[in-house]
C-alpha atoms as a PDB file:
ATOM      1  CA  VAL A   1     -30.583 -59.330 -67.227  1.00  0.00           C
ATOM      2  CA  GLY A   2     -27.158 -59.905 -68.740  1.00  0.00           C
ATOM      3  CA  ARG A   3     -25.695 -56.729 -67.260  1.00  0.00           C
ATOM      4  CA  ALA A   4     -27.099 -57.521 -63.803  1.00  0.00           C
ATOM      5  CA  ILE A   5     -25.534 -60.988 -63.971  1.00  0.00           C
ATOM      6  CA  ASP A   6     -22.198 -59.495 -65.057  1.00  0.00           C
ATOM      7  CA  VAL A   7     -22.220 -57.222 -62.006  1.00  0.00           C
ATOM      8  CA  CYS A   8     -23.153 -60.090 -59.664  1.00  0.00           C
ATOM      9  CA  GLU A   9     -20.254 -62.181 -60.989  1.00  0.00           C
ATOM     10  CA  LEU A  10     -17.657 -59.503 -60.173  1.00  0.00           C
ATOM     11  CA  PRO A  11     -15.174 -60.253 -57.366  1.00  0.00           C
ATOM     12  CA  SER A  12     -16.476 -59.080 -53.990  1.00  0.00           C
ATOM     13  CA  SER A  13     -13.994 -56.173 -53.907  1.00  0.00           C
ATOM     14  CA  ASP A  14     -15.372 -54.786 -57.195  1.00  0.00           C
ATOM     15  CA  ARG A  15     -19.108 -55.216 -56.536  1.00  0.00           C
ATOM     16  CA  PRO A  16     -21.188 -52.036 -56.419  1.00  0.00           C
ATOM     17  CA  SER A  17     -23.266 -51.017 -53.434  1.00  0.00           C
ATOM     18  CA  ASN A  18     -26.475 -52.143 -55.142  1.00  0.00           C
ATOM     19  CA  TYR A  19     -25.335 -55.787 -55.301  1.00  0.00           C
ATOM     20  CA  GLY A  20     -28.001 -56.919 -52.819  1.00  0.00           C
ATOM     21  CA  VAL A  21     -30.730 -55.113 -54.740  1.00  0.00           C
ATOM     22  CA  LEU A  22     -29.622 -56.800 -57.964  1.00  0.00           C
ATOM     23  CA  LEU A  23     -29.788 -60.207 -56.264  1.00  0.00           C
ATOM     24  CA  CYS A  24     -33.322 -59.431 -55.059  1.00  0.00           C
ATOM     25  CA  CYS A  25     -34.354 -58.374 -58.570  1.00  0.00           C
ATOM     26  CA  LEU A  26     -32.879 -61.500 -60.134  1.00  0.00           C
ATOM     27  CA  ASN A  27     -34.609 -63.642 -57.506  1.00  0.00           C
ATOM     28  CA  ALA A  28     -37.880 -61.848 -58.245  1.00  0.00           C
ATOM     29  CA  LEU A  29     -37.458 -62.752 -61.937  1.00  0.00           C
ATOM     30  CA  ARG A  30     -36.680 -66.349 -60.968  1.00  0.00           C
ATOM     31  CA  LEU A  31     -39.724 -66.626 -58.711  1.00  0.00           C
ATOM     32  CA  ARG A  32     -42.093 -64.966 -61.169  1.00  0.00           C
ATOM     33  CA  SER A  33     -40.988 -67.243 -63.994  1.00  0.00           C
ATOM     34  CA  GLN A  34     -41.680 -70.257 -61.748  1.00  0.00           C
ATOM     35  CA  SER A  35     -45.305 -69.185 -61.511  1.00  0.00           C
ATOM     36  CA  LEU A  36     -45.825 -68.716 -65.248  1.00  0.00           C
ATOM     37  CA  PRO A  37     -46.687 -71.263 -67.936  1.00  0.00           C
ATOM     38  CA  PRO A  38     -43.971 -72.103 -70.484  1.00  0.00           C
ATOM     39  CA  GLN A  39     -45.811 -70.070 -73.144  1.00  0.00           C
ATOM     40  CA  SER A  40     -45.282 -66.812 -71.241  1.00  0.00           C
ATOM     41  CA  PHE A  41     -42.732 -64.263 -72.409  1.00  0.00           C
ATOM     42  CA  LEU A  42     -40.675 -64.146 -69.190  1.00  0.00           C
ATOM     43  CA  TYR A  43     -40.453 -67.928 -68.884  1.00  0.00           C
ATOM     44  CA  HIS A  44     -39.428 -68.266 -72.523  1.00  0.00           C
ATOM     45  CA  TYR A  45     -36.970 -65.346 -72.336  1.00  0.00           C
ATOM     46  CA  LEU A  46     -35.150 -66.684 -69.276  1.00  0.00           C
ATOM     47  CA  ASP A  47     -35.215 -70.238 -70.605  1.00  0.00           C
ATOM     48  CA  SER A  48     -33.511 -69.118 -73.821  1.00  0.00           C
ATOM     49  CA  HIS A  49     -30.988 -66.815 -72.095  1.00  0.00           C
ATOM     50  CA  ASP A  50     -27.686 -68.724 -71.877  1.00  0.00           C
ATOM     51  CA  LYS A  51     -26.136 -66.397 -69.307  1.00  0.00           C
ATOM     52  CA  TRP A  52     -29.240 -66.700 -67.090  1.00  0.00           C
ATOM     53  CA  LYS A  53     -29.238 -70.490 -67.275  1.00  0.00           C
ATOM     54  CA  ALA A  54     -25.541 -70.580 -66.356  1.00  0.00           C
ATOM     55  CA  PHE A  55     -26.041 -68.129 -63.473  1.00  0.00           C
ATOM     56  CA  GLU A  56     -29.263 -69.527 -61.987  1.00  0.00           C
ATOM     57  CA  ASP A  57     -27.511 -72.172 -59.858  1.00  0.00           C
ATOM     58  CA  THR A  58     -25.064 -69.546 -58.588  1.00  0.00           C
ATOM     59  CA  LEU A  59     -27.969 -67.221 -57.760  1.00  0.00           C
ATOM     60  CA  ARG A  60     -29.692 -69.997 -55.813  1.00  0.00           C
ATOM     61  CA  ARG A  61     -26.460 -70.841 -53.932  1.00  0.00           C
ATOM     62  CA  ILE A  62     -25.779 -67.197 -53.017  1.00  0.00           C
ATOM     63  CA  THR A  63     -29.388 -66.691 -51.908  1.00  0.00           C
ATOM     64  CA  ILE A  64     -29.376 -69.827 -49.760  1.00  0.00           C
ATOM     65  CA  GLU A  65     -26.085 -68.724 -48.165  1.00  0.00           C
ATOM     66  CA  GLN A  66     -27.710 -65.388 -47.305  1.00  0.00           C
ATOM     67  CA  GLN A  67     -30.665 -67.150 -45.685  1.00  0.00           C
ATOM     68  CA  ILE A  68     -28.549 -69.217 -43.283  1.00  0.00           C
ATOM     69  CA  PRO A  69     -29.203 -67.952 -39.744  1.00  0.00           C
ATOM     70  CA  GLY A  70     -26.157 -66.225 -38.300  1.00  0.00           C
ATOM     71  CA  GLY A  71     -24.445 -66.131 -41.676  1.00  0.00           C
ATOM     72  CA  GLY A  72     -23.215 -69.699 -41.208  1.00  0.00           C
ATOM     73  CA  VAL A  73     -21.696 -69.034 -37.791  1.00  0.00           C
ATOM     74  CA  ALA A  74     -23.060 -70.709 -34.663  1.00  0.00           C
ATOM     75  CA  VAL A  75     -24.964 -67.993 -32.803  1.00  0.00           C
ATOM     76  CA  PRO A  76     -26.611 -68.191 -29.374  1.00  0.00           C
ATOM     77  CA  ASN A  77     -30.270 -67.212 -29.255  1.00  0.00           C
ATOM     78  CA  ILE A  78     -32.072 -65.386 -26.445  1.00  0.00           C
ATOM     79  CA  ASN A  79     -32.482 -68.579 -24.386  1.00  0.00           C
ATOM     80  CA  GLY A  80     -28.754 -69.257 -24.477  1.00  0.00           C
ATOM     81  CA  GLU A  81     -29.125 -72.167 -26.891  1.00  0.00           C
ATOM     82  CA  VAL A  82     -26.673 -72.199 -29.743  1.00  0.00           C
ATOM     83  CA  ILE A  83     -28.176 -72.153 -33.221  1.00  0.00           C
ATOM     84  CA  ASN A  84     -25.814 -74.052 -35.469  1.00  0.00           C
ATOM     85  CA  PRO A  85     -26.918 -73.543 -39.063  1.00  0.00           C
ATOM     86  CA  VAL A  86     -24.214 -75.846 -40.415  1.00  0.00           C
ATOM     87  CA  SER A  87     -24.333 -79.597 -39.870  1.00  0.00           C
ATOM     88  CA  SER A  88     -21.414 -81.490 -38.352  1.00  0.00           C
ATOM     89  CA  ASP A  89     -20.138 -82.521 -41.802  1.00  0.00           C
ATOM     90  CA  GLY A  90     -19.879 -78.856 -42.861  1.00  0.00           C
ATOM     91  CA  ARG A  91     -22.896 -78.726 -45.152  1.00  0.00           C
ATOM     92  CA  GLN A  92     -25.655 -76.162 -44.775  1.00  0.00           C
ATOM     93  CA  SER A  93     -29.048 -76.976 -43.371  1.00  0.00           C
ATOM     94  CA  PRO A  94     -31.168 -78.712 -46.008  1.00  0.00           C
ATOM     95  CA  ASP A  95     -34.405 -77.073 -44.886  1.00  0.00           C
ATOM     96  CA  ILE A  96     -33.715 -73.656 -46.436  1.00  0.00           C
ATOM     97  CA  ASN A  97     -36.278 -73.026 -49.148  1.00  0.00           C
ATOM     98  CA  ILE A  98     -36.115 -70.065 -51.531  1.00  0.00           C
ATOM     99  CA  ASP A  99     -38.794 -71.130 -54.010  1.00  0.00           C
ATOM    100  CA  LEU A 100     -42.459 -70.107 -54.266  1.00  0.00           C
ATOM    101  CA  GLY A 101     -44.289 -70.707 -51.003  1.00  0.00           C
ATOM    102  CA  SER A 102     -41.211 -70.061 -48.851  1.00  0.00           C
ATOM    103  CA  VAL A 103     -40.695 -67.312 -46.293  1.00  0.00           C
ATOM    104  CA  PHE A 104     -38.052 -65.832 -48.606  1.00  0.00           C
ATOM    105  CA  ALA A 105     -40.516 -65.633 -51.518  1.00  0.00           C
ATOM    106  CA  THR A 106     -43.179 -64.085 -49.288  1.00  0.00           C
ATOM    107  CA  GLU A 107     -40.708 -61.442 -48.097  1.00  0.00           C
ATOM    108  CA  LEU A 108     -40.019 -60.570 -51.753  1.00  0.00           C
ATOM    109  CA  GLY A 109     -43.760 -60.120 -52.317  1.00  0.00           C
ATOM    110  CA  PHE A 110     -44.625 -63.528 -53.757  1.00  0.00           C
ATOM    111  CA  SER A 111     -47.358 -64.558 -51.360  1.00  0.00           C
ATOM    112  CA  ALA A 112     -48.151 -68.277 -51.425  1.00  0.00           C
ATOM    113  CA  SER A 113     -51.862 -67.471 -51.649  1.00  0.00           C
ATOM    114  CA  ILE A 114     -51.365 -65.545 -54.915  1.00  0.00           C
ATOM    115  CA  TYR A 115     -48.347 -67.044 -56.662  1.00  0.00           C
ATOM    116  CA  LYS A 116     -48.165 -70.792 -57.130  1.00  0.00           C
ATOM    117  CA  THR A 117     -45.687 -72.884 -59.057  1.00  0.00           C
ATOM    118  CA  TYR A 118     -47.054 -73.530 -62.519  1.00  0.00           C
ATOM    119  CA  VAL A 119     -48.066 -77.154 -63.045  1.00  0.00           C
ATOM    120  CA  PRO A 120     -48.931 -78.104 -66.640  1.00  0.00           C
ATOM    121  CA  GLY A 121     -52.546 -79.186 -67.068  1.00  0.00           C
ATOM    122  CA  GLU A 122     -53.648 -77.802 -63.726  1.00  0.00           C
ATOM    123  CA  ASP A 123     -56.306 -75.116 -64.050  1.00  0.00           C
ATOM    124  CA  SER A 124     -55.567 -74.866 -67.776  1.00  0.00           C
ATOM    125  CA  GLU A 125     -58.978 -73.351 -68.535  1.00  0.00           C
ATOM    126  CA  ASN A 126     -58.466 -70.525 -66.049  1.00  0.00           C
ATOM    127  CA  LYS A 127     -54.898 -69.839 -67.187  1.00  0.00           C
ATOM    128  CA  GLU A 128     -55.946 -69.642 -70.842  1.00  0.00           C
ATOM    129  CA  ALA A 129     -58.799 -67.313 -69.952  1.00  0.00           C
ATOM    130  CA  ALA A 130     -56.447 -65.156 -67.898  1.00  0.00           C
ATOM    131  CA  THR A 131     -54.052 -64.722 -70.813  1.00  0.00           C
ATOM    132  CA  GLN A 132     -56.786 -63.707 -73.285  1.00  0.00           C
ATOM    133  CA  PRO A 133     -57.500 -59.979 -73.603  1.00  0.00           C
ATOM    134  CA  ILE A 134     -60.828 -58.971 -72.134  1.00  0.00           C
ATOM    135  CA  GLU A 135     -62.967 -56.930 -74.492  1.00  0.00           C
ATOM    136  CA  ASP A 136     -66.043 -55.155 -73.309  1.00  0.00           C
ATOM    137  CA  GLU A 137     -69.198 -54.890 -75.404  1.00  0.00           C
ATOM    138  CA  THR A 138     -68.390 -51.433 -76.783  1.00  0.00           C
ATOM    139  CA  GLN A 139     -65.017 -52.601 -78.098  1.00  0.00           C
ATOM    140  CA  GLN A 140     -66.663 -55.585 -79.757  1.00  0.00           C
ATOM    141  CA  GLY A 141     -69.357 -53.352 -81.231  1.00  0.00           C
ATOM    142  CA  ASP A 142     -66.796 -50.881 -82.596  1.00  0.00           C
ATOM    143  CA  ALA A 143     -64.843 -53.705 -84.231  1.00  0.00           C
ATOM    144  CA  LYS A 144     -68.015 -55.036 -85.902  1.00  0.00           C
ATOM    145  CA  LYS A 145     -68.910 -51.570 -87.192  1.00  0.00           C
ATOM    146  CA  LYS A 146     -65.465 -51.189 -88.794  1.00  0.00           C
ATOM    147  CA  LYS A 147     -65.777 -54.574 -90.492  1.00  0.00           C
ATOM    148  CA  ASN A 148     -69.231 -53.673 -91.822  1.00  0.00           C
ATOM    149  CA  LYS A 149     -67.918 -50.374 -93.212  1.00  0.00           C
ATOM    150  CA  LYS A 150     -65.134 -52.207 -95.038  1.00  0.00           C
ATOM    151  CA  LYS A 151     -67.638 -54.648 -96.525  1.00  0.00           C
ATOM    152  CA  LYS A 152     -69.847 -51.801 -97.742  1.00  0.00           C
ATOM    153  CA  LYS A 153     -66.890 -50.055 -99.385  1.00  0.00           C
ATOM    154  CA  LYS A 154     -65.977 -53.224-101.292  1.00  0.00           C
ATOM    155  CA  LYS A 155     -69.498 -53.503-102.740  1.00  0.00           C
END
């Protein structure tokens, strides 16, 4: 993560050709961590990564700039109407969303029907069950047999 951020912070003349791919990967990490509970490894890792926390706002800004129709330049559409993505005061359109549930997230593979922003307390039973390893009956039986053998050896 740190090396990818270092590359993304290079001046535009020094950026490698895979700059866009790195931004997509970092956005995928950002989106996935939004869908995970705070106990998860990825959430905890990114939350404790100083370079990530310092870069996250920059990543969001760059991504929003990339999502502005026409690259921020007024562009006519097929009907001859001009699409002006920048408001009269020079700020970008406020309706660009790059979080879970957005078109951007869906294009990266984070479908709104599968990935939802984690809300503490919501569906806590299902989330706890999902994080527990599933053991089938044979695995449980094998574990019990091993414990019984150890008990017999002690006697």
